């Protein structure tokens, strides 16, 4: 299968959508498919490059989140889409909107993903929980892009339910973004400077909806604050704010970005994983931590899918409540045997979310789109053939009438 991904930003170590797309592309190649990508950035093998698109205020906000928009180039898109058997669009922006029009003209099957919650937008423009704004953004996404797509990849049942609630009538395919086999529950030795510390890690972009501030405030309330080393893996617009907020802690947090291999080491020598995000479509980072044997403590936010991963109420805390989070942290520190038992359970549980399973489901979605496109093409050909037959029949009747008239 020749598969084309269309995504505004492909290679970014701080963008979950980009990371998941790279992972899917690599995994699809390993099982024999050809994969190419239309994206921005530097030229490379299997990439069709388009320039960045600047959209006044929107670009400023996007850059603050380490993201960008792509400018559609018709010749590049036409060349790429002509090459493939099926196209998968990752974002609802202008690049994908134009790509869908070209795919239709070239009679190419296509699917799309839903990775951007409305709340990802509202939180970052300062209107957070505004129901009107959230409903409007879901309506806008649907009408400017998704109404033209039949098959949508949803990373969680949560976001599939959200789309149904907002009157999306598409065929929704719930497929996890998947975790790689390299995330394993092997215990790694702590760095010498952290040997006597309790390491709590949180992975994710440092932005307002991820709520790293709740974890900082919780540690300040913990009975074990003098022993806790926080590690925040990620970067983002709130980095300086979080560093300033954390100055009151006895042990200063580590703020850093990590490549995959270094992140695995950090997770494998950590003691707990916290996911405080208020807005989340899936949170593959939480699954990766669990795969490394970490017991998570997860926000029970109503607009986050991550809470579905909790195997016990002790792995959930009240959204935005730093005191409740502090109590859960202290509980797991004080019950190491129970934590060790749940560590095994979580590592076993996430086997259901391995990338191989996700790839099989993704292949099925693409194949369905291709089969439907082929059936539509065959039907169109058959209809055209029938029309030709009817025209021929009509001409034959006219000719026969002329012959009869001539004889008379």
Foldseek 3Di string as FASTA:
>chain_A
DEEEEEDAAADDLADPLNVLVVVLQVVVVVVPYHYAYEYDDDDDPRYQHFHFDDDPPVQVLQVLQVHTGGDADVVSLLVSLVPGQEYEYEDLDPNVLVSLVSCVVVLHFYAYEDFDQLQVVCQSVPNRPPPVSRLVVLVVSCVSGVVSHQEYEAQAVLVVVVNVVSPRPHHYFHFHSFDAPVLAQDAAQDPPVQNQAAEEEEEHEPGDQQPPVLQLLLLVVAPRQLRYEYEYAHYGNCVVVSQVSNPPGNHRYHYYHDDPVVVSNSLNHHAAYERQGQAASEPVVVLSSLLNLHQAAYEPHSRHPPVVLHPDCLSYAHRPHSNRVSVSVNVCVVCVVVSNVVSVVSSVVSVCRHVVNSSVSVVVSRVVSSVVSVVVVVVVVVVVVVVVVVVVVVVVVVVVVVVVVVVD
